[in-house]
Amino acid sequence: MTDIQTLQMAVAKLPVSELQQFSEWFDEFISEQWDKKIEKDIFAGRLDALGKQAEAEFITGRTEPL
């Protein structure tokens, strides 16, 4: 049995209240991982081209308010 299968079985056995707690924790965990990856990409310059493109589109008026 893989670690993933073991985790799936354990999560499936959680009572509803604990499943909710786990879900909230996991959502936060995933968000933190995403933030770390984006930060790493920013510092490595991987998003520079996209930033320049967005800035150029803003300057030329090719953007819309959110």
C-alpha atoms as a PDB file:
ATOM      1  CA  MET A   1       0.000   0.000   0.000  1.00  0.00           C
ATOM      2  CA  THR A   2       1.323   3.447  -0.917  1.00  0.00           C
ATOM      3  CA  ASP A   3       1.471   6.437   1.405  1.00  0.00           C
ATOM      4  CA  ILE A   4      -1.274   8.065  -0.670  1.00  0.00           C
ATOM      5  CA  GLN A   5      -3.562   5.069  -0.262  1.00  0.00           C
ATOM      6  CA  THR A   6      -2.887   5.017   3.480  1.00  0.00           C
ATOM      7  CA  LEU A   7      -3.751   8.723   3.727  1.00  0.00           C
ATOM      8  CA  GLN A   8      -6.893   8.271   1.648  1.00  0.00           C
ATOM      9  CA  MET A   9      -8.097   5.470   3.902  1.00  0.00           C
ATOM     10  CA  ALA A  10      -7.352   7.467   7.050  1.00  0.00           C
ATOM     11  CA  VAL A  11      -9.143  10.570   5.737  1.00  0.00           C
ATOM     12  CA  ALA A  12     -12.142   8.504   4.647  1.00  0.00           C
ATOM     13  CA  LYS A  13     -12.518   7.235   8.238  1.00  0.00           C
ATOM     14  CA  LEU A  14     -12.524  10.687   9.860  1.00  0.00           C
ATOM     15  CA  PRO A  15     -15.698  11.863  11.580  1.00  0.00           C
ATOM     16  CA  VAL A  16     -17.321  14.852   9.878  1.00  0.00           C
ATOM     17  CA  SER A  17     -16.030  17.376  12.432  1.00  0.00           C
ATOM     18  CA  GLU A  18     -12.449  16.143  12.098  1.00  0.00           C
ATOM     19  CA  LEU A  19     -12.782  15.989   8.315  1.00  0.00           C
ATOM     20  CA  GLN A  20     -13.740  19.667   8.352  1.00  0.00           C
ATOM     21  CA  GLN A  21     -10.724  20.466  10.542  1.00  0.00           C
ATOM     22  CA  PHE A  22      -8.445  18.502   8.234  1.00  0.00           C
ATOM     23  CA  SER A  23      -9.918  20.160   5.161  1.00  0.00           C
ATOM     24  CA  GLU A  24      -9.281  23.628   6.563  1.00  0.00           C
ATOM     25  CA  TRP A  25      -5.720  22.698   7.517  1.00  0.00           C
ATOM     26  CA  PHE A  26      -5.058  21.152   4.098  1.00  0.00           C
ATOM     27  CA  ASP A  27      -6.425  24.190   2.229  1.00  0.00           C
ATOM     28  CA  GLU A  28      -4.085  26.420   4.229  1.00  0.00           C
ATOM     29  CA  PHE A  29      -1.174  24.044   3.638  1.00  0.00           C
ATOM     30  CA  ILE A  30      -1.755  24.046  -0.135  1.00  0.00           C
ATOM     31  CA  SER A  31      -2.020  27.854  -0.147  1.00  0.00           C
ATOM     32  CA  GLU A  32       1.278  28.179   1.700  1.00  0.00           C
ATOM     33  CA  GLN A  33       2.981  25.802  -0.745  1.00  0.00           C
ATOM     34  CA  TRP A  34       1.637  27.815  -3.691  1.00  0.00           C
ATOM     35  CA  ASP A  35       2.833  31.079  -2.130  1.00  0.00           C
ATOM     36  CA  LYS A  36       6.332  29.630  -1.616  1.00  0.00           C
ATOM     37  CA  LYS A  37       6.493  28.441  -5.228  1.00  0.00           C
ATOM     38  CA  ILE A  38       5.362  31.794  -6.618  1.00  0.00           C
ATOM     39  CA  GLU A  39       7.841  33.628  -4.405  1.00  0.00           C
ATOM     40  CA  LYS A  40      10.638  31.330  -5.588  1.00  0.00           C
ATOM     41  CA  ASP A  41       9.640  31.924  -9.225  1.00  0.00           C
ATOM     42  CA  ILE A  42       9.560  35.699  -8.683  1.00  0.00           C
ATOM     43  CA  PHE A  43      13.025  35.779  -7.127  1.00  0.00           C
ATOM     44  CA  ALA A  44      14.359  33.544  -9.931  1.00  0.00           C
ATOM     45  CA  GLY A  45      13.002  35.984 -12.530  1.00  0.00           C
ATOM     46  CA  ARG A  46      10.642  33.457 -14.097  1.00  0.00           C
ATOM     47  CA  LEU A  47       7.758  35.937 -14.074  1.00  0.00           C
ATOM     48  CA  ASP A  48       9.654  38.984 -15.345  1.00  0.00           C
ATOM     49  CA  ALA A  49       8.422  38.633 -18.934  1.00  0.00           C
ATOM     50  CA  LEU A  50       4.804  38.355 -17.799  1.00  0.00           C
ATOM     51  CA  GLY A  51       5.215  41.401 -15.581  1.00  0.00           C
ATOM     52  CA  LYS A  52       6.650  43.435 -18.438  1.00  0.00           C
ATOM     53  CA  GLN A  53       3.818  42.318 -20.715  1.00  0.00           C
ATOM     54  CA  ALA A  54       1.192  43.287 -18.127  1.00  0.00           C
ATOM     55  CA  GLU A  55       2.835  46.660 -17.585  1.00  0.00           C
ATOM     56  CA  ALA A  56       2.948  47.332 -21.339  1.00  0.00           C
ATOM     57  CA  GLU A  57      -0.731  46.440 -21.687  1.00  0.00           C
ATOM     58  CA  PHE A  58      -1.596  48.733 -18.787  1.00  0.00           C
ATOM     59  CA  ILE A  59       0.379  51.638 -20.256  1.00  0.00           C
ATOM     60  CA  THR A  60      -1.261  51.224 -23.659  1.00  0.00           C
ATOM     61  CA  GLY A  61      -4.736  51.070 -22.086  1.00  0.00           C
ATOM     62  CA  ARG A  62      -5.449  47.451 -23.000  1.00  0.00           C
ATOM     63  CA  THR A  63      -6.658  46.545 -19.527  1.00  0.00           C
ATOM     64  CA  GLU A  64     -10.047  46.516 -17.854  1.00  0.00           C
ATOM     65  CA  PRO A  65     -10.991  47.163 -14.231  1.00  0.00           C
ATOM     66  CA  LEU A  66     -11.641  44.037 -12.199  1.00  0.00           C
END
